[in-house]
Structure formats: C-alpha cells, structure tokens
Amino acid sequence: MVLFQFPQWFVISHKNKDYLIQCKERLPDYRIAVEFRHKLWMEERNQDETLSFLKEHDLPYVSVDMPQGFDSSLPPVAVATSKDLAVVRFHGRDPEAWKAKSQTAADRFRYDYSDKELQEWAPKVEELAAEARETT
C-alpha cells in the first residue's frame, strides 16, 4: 500500500478528484490509500459524495482519529470504500501539539491513547475488518 496523505490545501474539487484517479493509474501495481487533511472532504454536505467517489474508484479511505476543530480535522468516520483494504490511522488528540509549528511530525503524533479512547474505536475497526479483506 502507498499512503497518499494530501495537504490541507488539497480541497474537494473535480480537478483534485481527477488527480486521485491519476495517482491510482500511475501506480497500477500498488494499492493506494487516501488520507485527506481538509475538513471539506468529509463535511456533512460533501461526505456522501466523497465516499461514493472513493468507492466507485476502489480507493481506500483512510479513517483517522485526530484533534478536532481545525481545518485539517476530519471527523472520526470509519468506512471501508474498498473491499480489499481498510486503513485507520491514530494521530493523537492533543490539540496543542497539532497546531504547534515548531514541533516535528514525530512530536505532533506522540500521544498515548487511554483504554477508553481506544475502546471508542474497537467497534469501528471490527466493522471495517468485516467489510474489507485486510484492515491496517
């Protein structure tokens, strides 16, 4: 799998959807997974469109757990948009680390989830595992 983590300026548009298709076409021997970093992709008004597009093109959506309240925040939606692969990434929930510019990426993601926080995700991951052949 090749993870395509798109930057915050990569917003929902026809041009960017075409680019996602091109990414898949350029790497025919690999599964690509798509992680967005702008909330517009998964806002209520766009969520069905985004997920339908990914399903139509068999592009695995990367479900994320991250601090909320930023333009780069996506809701913790767990959905399999491919029957082959489902992906979940845990970025931590520290909003101060998330917005800090001076920290490295490793510092931003250094977060110890509590048992309770992980238990919130357990049923979501089980559902993904039931929908996709492989869950990562």
N, C-alpha and C. Protein backbone atom coordinates (compact mmCIF):
# COMPACT_ATOMS: atom_id res chain seq x y z
N MET A 1 0.84 -1.17 0.00
CA MET A 1 0.00 0.00 0.00
C MET A 1 0.88 1.24 0.00
N VAL A 2 0.46 2.22 -0.77
CA VAL A 2 1.10 3.53 -0.75
C VAL A 2 0.07 4.50 -0.19
N LEU A 3 0.47 5.19 0.87
CA LEU A 3 -0.41 6.16 1.51
C LEU A 3 -0.25 7.51 0.83
N PHE A 4 -1.36 8.05 0.35
CA PHE A 4 -1.38 9.41 -0.17
C PHE A 4 -2.07 10.28 0.87
N GLN A 5 -1.25 11.03 1.60
CA GLN A 5 -1.77 11.95 2.62
C GLN A 5 -1.74 13.34 1.99
N PHE A 6 -2.91 13.83 1.64
CA PHE A 6 -2.98 15.08 0.91
C PHE A 6 -2.98 16.26 1.87
N PRO A 7 -2.30 17.35 1.49
CA PRO A 7 -2.17 18.51 2.37
C PRO A 7 -3.48 19.27 2.52
N GLN A 8 -3.46 20.18 3.46
CA GLN A 8 -4.64 20.95 3.82
C GLN A 8 -5.19 21.74 2.62
N TRP A 9 -4.34 22.17 1.72
CA TRP A 9 -4.80 22.95 0.57
C TRP A 9 -5.44 22.09 -0.52
N PHE A 10 -5.39 20.77 -0.39
CA PHE A 10 -5.99 19.86 -1.37
C PHE A 10 -7.46 19.69 -0.99
N VAL A 11 -8.30 20.57 -1.53
CA VAL A 11 -9.72 20.58 -1.18
C VAL A 11 -10.54 19.80 -2.20
N ILE A 12 -11.77 19.52 -1.86
CA ILE A 12 -12.64 18.77 -2.77
C ILE A 12 -12.91 19.60 -4.02
N SER A 13 -12.64 19.00 -5.18
CA SER A 13 -12.87 19.65 -6.47
C SER A 13 -12.80 18.59 -7.56
N HIS A 14 -13.32 18.91 -8.73
CA HIS A 14 -13.23 17.97 -9.86
C HIS A 14 -11.77 17.73 -10.23
N LYS A 15 -10.98 18.79 -10.21
CA LYS A 15 -9.56 18.69 -10.55
C LYS A 15 -8.84 17.74 -9.60
N ASN A 16 -9.11 17.87 -8.32
CA ASN A 16 -8.44 17.01 -7.35
C ASN A 16 -8.96 15.58 -7.37
N LYS A 17 -10.22 15.40 -7.69
CA LYS A 17 -10.73 14.04 -7.88
C LYS A 17 -10.05 13.37 -9.07
N ASP A 18 -9.89 14.14 -10.15
CA ASP A 18 -9.17 13.61 -11.32
C ASP A 18 -7.74 13.23 -10.94
N TYR A 19 -7.13 14.03 -10.09
CA TYR A 19 -5.77 13.73 -9.65
C TYR A 19 -5.72 12.41 -8.87
N LEU A 20 -6.72 12.16 -8.03
CA LEU A 20 -6.77 10.90 -7.29
C LEU A 20 -6.81 9.71 -8.25
N ILE A 21 -7.59 9.83 -9.30
CA ILE A 21 -7.68 8.76 -10.30
C ILE A 21 -6.33 8.59 -10.99
N GLN A 22 -5.67 9.69 -11.30
CA GLN A 22 -4.35 9.62 -11.93
C GLN A 22 -3.34 8.92 -11.02
N CYS A 23 -3.40 9.20 -9.74
CA CYS A 23 -2.50 8.54 -8.79
C CYS A 23 -2.67 7.03 -8.86
N LYS A 24 -3.90 6.59 -8.88
CA LYS A 24 -4.18 5.16 -8.96
C LYS A 24 -3.67 4.58 -10.28
N GLU A 25 -3.90 5.29 -11.37
CA GLU A 25 -3.47 4.82 -12.69
C GLU A 25 -1.95 4.77 -12.81
N ARG A 26 -1.26 5.68 -12.16
CA ARG A 26 0.21 5.75 -12.25
C ARG A 26 0.90 4.69 -11.40
N LEU A 27 0.17 4.10 -10.48
CA LEU A 27 0.73 3.05 -9.63
C LEU A 27 -0.12 1.78 -9.74
N PRO A 28 -0.20 1.21 -10.93
CA PRO A 28 -1.12 0.07 -11.13
C PRO A 28 -0.75 -1.17 -10.32
N ASP A 29 0.49 -1.29 -9.88
CA ASP A 29 0.92 -2.47 -9.13
C ASP A 29 0.79 -2.31 -7.62
N TYR A 30 0.24 -1.18 -7.19
CA TYR A 30 0.12 -0.90 -5.77
C TYR A 30 -1.31 -0.53 -5.41
N ARG A 31 -1.67 -0.80 -4.18
CA ARG A 31 -2.92 -0.27 -3.63
C ARG A 31 -2.58 1.11 -3.10
N ILE A 32 -3.40 2.08 -3.40
CA ILE A 32 -3.17 3.38 -2.79
C ILE A 32 -4.31 3.65 -1.83
N ALA A 33 -3.99 4.30 -0.75
CA ALA A 33 -4.97 4.69 0.25
C ALA A 33 -4.94 6.21 0.35
N VAL A 34 -6.10 6.81 0.56
CA VAL A 34 -6.25 8.25 0.50
C VAL A 34 -6.60 8.82 1.87
N GLU A 35 -5.74 9.73 2.35
CA GLU A 35 -6.00 10.45 3.60
C GLU A 35 -6.08 11.93 3.29
N PHE A 36 -7.19 12.52 3.63
CA PHE A 36 -7.39 13.94 3.40
C PHE A 36 -6.99 14.72 4.64
N ARG A 37 -6.64 15.99 4.44
CA ARG A 37 -6.32 16.87 5.54
C ARG A 37 -7.07 18.19 5.46
N HIS A 38 -8.19 18.19 4.74
CA HIS A 38 -9.06 19.36 4.78
C HIS A 38 -10.48 18.89 5.06
N LYS A 39 -11.10 19.54 6.01
CA LYS A 39 -12.40 19.10 6.50
C LYS A 39 -13.50 19.12 5.44
N LEU A 40 -13.33 19.89 4.37
CA LEU A 40 -14.38 19.96 3.35
C LEU A 40 -14.71 18.60 2.74
N TRP A 41 -13.72 17.72 2.63
CA TRP A 41 -13.97 16.41 2.05
C TRP A 41 -15.03 15.63 2.81
N MET A 42 -15.02 15.79 4.14
CA MET A 42 -15.89 14.96 4.96
C MET A 42 -16.93 15.76 5.74
N GLU A 43 -17.12 17.03 5.37
CA GLU A 43 -18.22 17.77 5.97
C GLU A 43 -19.54 17.13 5.55
N GLU A 44 -20.56 17.33 6.32
CA GLU A 44 -21.85 16.68 6.08
C GLU A 44 -22.32 16.85 4.64
N ARG A 45 -22.18 18.04 4.09
CA ARG A 45 -22.66 18.29 2.72
C ARG A 45 -21.85 17.57 1.64
N ASN A 46 -20.62 17.15 1.95
CA ASN A 46 -19.76 16.51 0.96
C ASN A 46 -19.43 15.05 1.27
N GLN A 47 -19.75 14.58 2.45
CA GLN A 47 -19.31 13.25 2.88
C GLN A 47 -19.80 12.14 1.95
N ASP A 48 -21.08 12.13 1.61
CA ASP A 48 -21.60 11.08 0.73
C ASP A 48 -20.93 11.12 -0.64
N GLU A 49 -20.75 12.33 -1.16
CA GLU A 49 -20.09 12.48 -2.46
C GLU A 49 -18.66 11.95 -2.41
N THR A 50 -17.93 12.31 -1.37
CA THR A 50 -16.54 11.87 -1.23
C THR A 50 -16.46 10.35 -1.14
N LEU A 51 -17.25 9.77 -0.26
CA LEU A 51 -17.19 8.32 -0.05
C LEU A 51 -17.67 7.55 -1.28
N SER A 52 -18.69 8.06 -1.95
CA SER A 52 -19.18 7.42 -3.18
C SER A 52 -18.12 7.45 -4.27
N PHE A 53 -17.44 8.57 -4.38
CA PHE A 53 -16.37 8.69 -5.37
C PHE A 53 -15.26 7.68 -5.09
N LEU A 54 -14.84 7.58 -3.83
CA LEU A 54 -13.78 6.64 -3.48
C LEU A 54 -14.22 5.20 -3.73
N LYS A 55 -15.46 4.86 -3.38
CA LYS A 55 -15.98 3.51 -3.64
C LYS A 55 -16.01 3.22 -5.14
N GLU A 56 -16.51 4.17 -5.91
CA GLU A 56 -16.62 4.00 -7.36
C GLU A 56 -15.26 3.69 -7.98
N HIS A 57 -14.21 4.27 -7.43
CA HIS A 57 -12.87 4.09 -8.00
C HIS A 57 -12.01 3.12 -7.17
N ASP A 58 -12.65 2.42 -6.23
CA ASP A 58 -11.97 1.42 -5.41
C ASP A 58 -10.71 1.98 -4.74
N LEU A 59 -10.87 3.17 -4.17
CA LEU A 59 -9.78 3.84 -3.46
C LEU A 59 -10.06 3.78 -1.96
N PRO A 60 -9.22 3.09 -1.19
CA PRO A 60 -9.44 3.01 0.25
C PRO A 60 -9.34 4.37 0.93
N TYR A 61 -10.35 4.69 1.71
CA TYR A 61 -10.36 5.90 2.53
C TYR A 61 -9.60 5.60 3.81
N VAL A 62 -8.76 6.53 4.23
CA VAL A 62 -8.04 6.38 5.48
C VAL A 62 -8.86 7.05 6.58
N SER A 63 -9.38 6.24 7.47
CA SER A 63 -10.12 6.75 8.63
C SER A 63 -9.11 7.23 9.65
N VAL A 64 -9.36 8.40 10.23
CA VAL A 64 -8.37 8.97 11.13
C VAL A 64 -9.00 9.39 12.46
N ASP A 65 -8.18 9.28 13.49
CA ASP A 65 -8.52 9.86 14.77
C ASP A 65 -7.50 10.96 14.99
N MET A 66 -8.00 12.17 15.19
CA MET A 66 -7.12 13.34 15.32
C MET A 66 -7.83 14.40 16.13
N PRO A 67 -7.10 15.43 16.56
CA PRO A 67 -7.77 16.52 17.27
C PRO A 67 -8.81 17.17 16.36
N GLN A 68 -9.90 17.59 16.95
CA GLN A 68 -10.98 18.21 16.20
C GLN A 68 -10.93 19.73 16.33
N GLY A 69 -11.59 20.41 15.39
CA GLY A 69 -11.71 21.86 15.48
C GLY A 69 -10.77 22.64 14.58
N PHE A 70 -10.00 21.95 13.74
CA PHE A 70 -9.08 22.61 12.83
C PHE A 70 -9.54 22.39 11.39
N ASP A 71 -9.09 23.23 10.45
CA ASP A 71 -9.41 22.99 9.04
C ASP A 71 -8.86 21.65 8.57
N SER A 72 -7.80 21.18 9.23
CA SER A 72 -7.20 19.90 8.87
C SER A 72 -7.86 18.72 9.58
N SER A 73 -8.87 19.00 10.40
CA SER A 73 -9.53 17.94 11.17
C SER A 73 -10.63 17.27 10.36
N LEU A 74 -10.59 15.97 10.32
CA LEU A 74 -11.68 15.21 9.74
C LEU A 74 -12.41 14.49 10.85
N PRO A 75 -13.72 14.32 10.71
CA PRO A 75 -14.45 13.60 11.75
C PRO A 75 -13.98 12.15 11.81
N PRO A 76 -14.11 11.53 12.97
CA PRO A 76 -13.65 10.14 13.13
C PRO A 76 -14.61 9.14 12.50
N VAL A 77 -14.73 9.22 11.19
CA VAL A 77 -15.62 8.36 10.42
C VAL A 77 -14.83 7.14 9.97
N ALA A 78 -15.33 5.98 10.29
CA ALA A 78 -14.68 4.73 9.86
C ALA A 78 -15.56 4.09 8.80
N VAL A 79 -15.04 4.02 7.59
CA VAL A 79 -15.80 3.44 6.49
C VAL A 79 -14.85 2.77 5.51
N ALA A 80 -15.27 1.62 5.01
CA ALA A 80 -14.48 0.90 4.01
C ALA A 80 -15.00 1.30 2.64
N THR A 81 -14.15 1.92 1.84
CA THR A 81 -14.53 2.29 0.48
C THR A 81 -13.93 1.34 -0.55
N SER A 82 -13.28 0.30 -0.07
CA SER A 82 -12.73 -0.75 -0.92
C SER A 82 -12.95 -2.08 -0.21
N LYS A 83 -13.24 -3.11 -0.97
CA LYS A 83 -13.43 -4.44 -0.38
C LYS A 83 -12.09 -5.10 -0.04
N ASP A 84 -11.00 -4.58 -0.62
CA ASP A 84 -9.68 -5.15 -0.38
C ASP A 84 -8.98 -4.63 0.86
N LEU A 85 -9.16 -3.33 1.13
CA LEU A 85 -8.32 -2.70 2.15
C LEU A 85 -9.07 -1.60 2.89
N ALA A 86 -8.95 -1.61 4.21
CA ALA A 86 -9.43 -0.53 5.07
C ALA A 86 -8.25 -0.07 5.92
N VAL A 87 -8.13 1.23 6.11
CA VAL A 87 -6.97 1.78 6.82
C VAL A 87 -7.45 2.73 7.92
N VAL A 88 -6.83 2.61 9.08
CA VAL A 88 -7.09 3.52 10.19
C VAL A 88 -5.75 4.06 10.67
N ARG A 89 -5.72 5.36 10.94
CA ARG A 89 -4.51 5.99 11.49
C ARG A 89 -4.90 6.75 12.74
N PHE A 90 -4.08 6.60 13.76
CA PHE A 90 -4.28 7.28 15.04
C PHE A 90 -3.23 8.37 15.18
N HIS A 91 -3.67 9.62 15.07
CA HIS A 91 -2.75 10.76 15.12
C HIS A 91 -2.65 11.40 16.50
N GLY A 92 -3.42 10.92 17.44
CA GLY A 92 -3.42 11.53 18.76
C GLY A 92 -4.51 12.57 18.86
N ARG A 93 -4.72 13.05 20.08
CA ARG A 93 -5.82 14.00 20.31
C ARG A 93 -5.37 15.28 21.00
N ASP A 94 -4.10 15.56 20.96
CA ASP A 94 -3.58 16.75 21.64
C ASP A 94 -3.67 17.96 20.71
N PRO A 95 -4.65 18.85 20.94
CA PRO A 95 -4.81 20.00 20.05
C PRO A 95 -3.63 20.95 20.08
N GLU A 96 -2.95 21.06 21.22
CA GLU A 96 -1.79 21.95 21.29
C GLU A 96 -0.65 21.44 20.42
N ALA A 97 -0.41 20.14 20.45
CA ALA A 97 0.63 19.56 19.61
C ALA A 97 0.26 19.67 18.13
N TRP A 98 -1.02 19.53 17.84
CA TRP A 98 -1.50 19.55 16.45
C TRP A 98 -1.26 20.90 15.79
N LYS A 99 -1.44 21.99 16.56
CA LYS A 99 -1.31 23.33 15.96
C LYS A 99 0.09 23.93 16.10
N ALA A 100 0.95 23.31 16.89
CA ALA A 100 2.30 23.83 17.09
C ALA A 100 3.12 23.71 15.81
N LYS A 101 3.72 24.81 15.39
CA LYS A 101 4.52 24.82 14.16
C LYS A 101 5.96 24.37 14.40
N SER A 102 6.45 24.49 15.60
CA SER A 102 7.85 24.21 15.87
C SER A 102 8.15 22.73 16.09
N GLN A 103 7.14 21.96 16.30
CA GLN A 103 7.35 20.54 16.58
C GLN A 103 7.56 19.75 15.29
N THR A 104 8.24 18.64 15.43
CA THR A 104 8.39 17.72 14.31
C THR A 104 7.10 16.91 14.19
N ALA A 105 6.97 16.23 13.08
CA ALA A 105 5.81 15.35 12.91
C ALA A 105 5.79 14.29 14.00
N ALA A 106 6.94 13.78 14.36
CA ALA A 106 7.01 12.76 15.42
C ALA A 106 6.49 13.32 16.74
N ASP A 107 6.83 14.57 17.05
CA ASP A 107 6.34 15.19 18.28
C ASP A 107 4.83 15.38 18.22
N ARG A 108 4.32 15.77 17.07
CA ARG A 108 2.90 16.02 16.92
C ARG A 108 2.08 14.75 17.19
N PHE A 109 2.59 13.62 16.75
CA PHE A 109 1.85 12.37 16.86
C PHE A 109 2.20 11.57 18.12
N ARG A 110 3.09 12.09 18.96
CA ARG A 110 3.45 11.39 20.20
C ARG A 110 2.30 11.58 21.19
N TYR A 111 1.50 10.55 21.29
CA TYR A 111 0.31 10.63 22.13
C TYR A 111 -0.02 9.24 22.62
N ASP A 112 -0.27 9.10 23.89
CA ASP A 112 -0.67 7.82 24.46
C ASP A 112 -2.18 7.80 24.63
N TYR A 113 -2.82 6.97 23.84
CA TYR A 113 -4.27 6.82 23.92
C TYR A 113 -4.63 6.09 25.21
N SER A 114 -5.70 6.53 25.84
CA SER A 114 -6.21 5.82 27.02
C SER A 114 -6.98 4.59 26.55
N ASP A 115 -7.20 3.67 27.45
CA ASP A 115 -8.01 2.49 27.11
C ASP A 115 -9.40 2.92 26.63
N LYS A 116 -9.97 3.91 27.29
CA LYS A 116 -11.30 4.39 26.92
C LYS A 116 -11.30 4.94 25.48
N GLU A 117 -10.28 5.71 25.12
CA GLU A 117 -10.21 6.26 23.76
C GLU A 117 -10.07 5.15 22.72
N LEU A 118 -9.28 4.14 23.03
CA LEU A 118 -9.13 3.03 22.10
C LEU A 118 -10.41 2.20 22.01
N GLN A 119 -11.11 2.07 23.13
CA GLN A 119 -12.36 1.32 23.13
C GLN A 119 -13.41 1.99 22.24
N GLU A 120 -13.35 3.30 22.09
CA GLU A 120 -14.25 4.00 21.18
C GLU A 120 -14.07 3.51 19.75
N TRP A 121 -12.84 3.15 19.40
CA TRP A 121 -12.52 2.74 18.04
C TRP A 121 -12.69 1.23 17.81
N ALA A 122 -12.70 0.45 18.86
CA ALA A 122 -12.76 -1.02 18.70
C ALA A 122 -13.93 -1.46 17.83
N PRO A 123 -15.18 -1.02 18.07
CA PRO A 123 -16.27 -1.47 17.20
C PRO A 123 -16.14 -0.97 15.77
N LYS A 124 -15.57 0.22 15.60
CA LYS A 124 -15.37 0.76 14.25
C LYS A 124 -14.37 -0.10 13.48
N VAL A 125 -13.29 -0.48 14.14
CA VAL A 125 -12.27 -1.30 13.49
C VAL A 125 -12.82 -2.69 13.20
N GLU A 126 -13.62 -3.23 14.11
CA GLU A 126 -14.24 -4.54 13.86
C GLU A 126 -15.16 -4.48 12.64
N GLU A 127 -15.90 -3.39 12.50
CA GLU A 127 -16.78 -3.24 11.34
C GLU A 127 -15.97 -3.13 10.05
N LEU A 128 -14.88 -2.37 10.10
CA LEU A 128 -14.02 -2.28 8.92
C LEU A 128 -13.45 -3.65 8.55
N ALA A 129 -13.04 -4.39 9.55
CA ALA A 129 -12.48 -5.72 9.31
C ALA A 129 -13.51 -6.65 8.68
N ALA A 130 -14.77 -6.45 8.99
CA ALA A 130 -15.83 -7.28 8.40
C ALA A 130 -16.13 -6.86 6.96
N GLU A 131 -15.83 -5.62 6.61
CA GLU A 131 -16.14 -5.10 5.29
C GLU A 131 -15.00 -5.23 4.28
N ALA A 132 -13.76 -5.32 4.77
CA ALA A 132 -12.60 -5.35 3.88
C ALA A 132 -11.79 -6.62 4.14
N ARG A 133 -11.12 -7.08 3.10
CA ARG A 133 -10.29 -8.28 3.23
C ARG A 133 -9.14 -8.06 4.21
N GLU A 134 -8.56 -6.86 4.19
CA GLU A 134 -7.44 -6.54 5.07
C GLU A 134 -7.70 -5.18 5.72
N THR A 135 -7.41 -5.10 7.01
CA THR A 135 -7.52 -3.85 7.74
C THR A 135 -6.18 -3.53 8.36
N THR A 136 -5.73 -2.33 8.10
CA THR A 136 -4.41 -1.90 8.59
C THR A 136 -4.57 -0.71 9.48
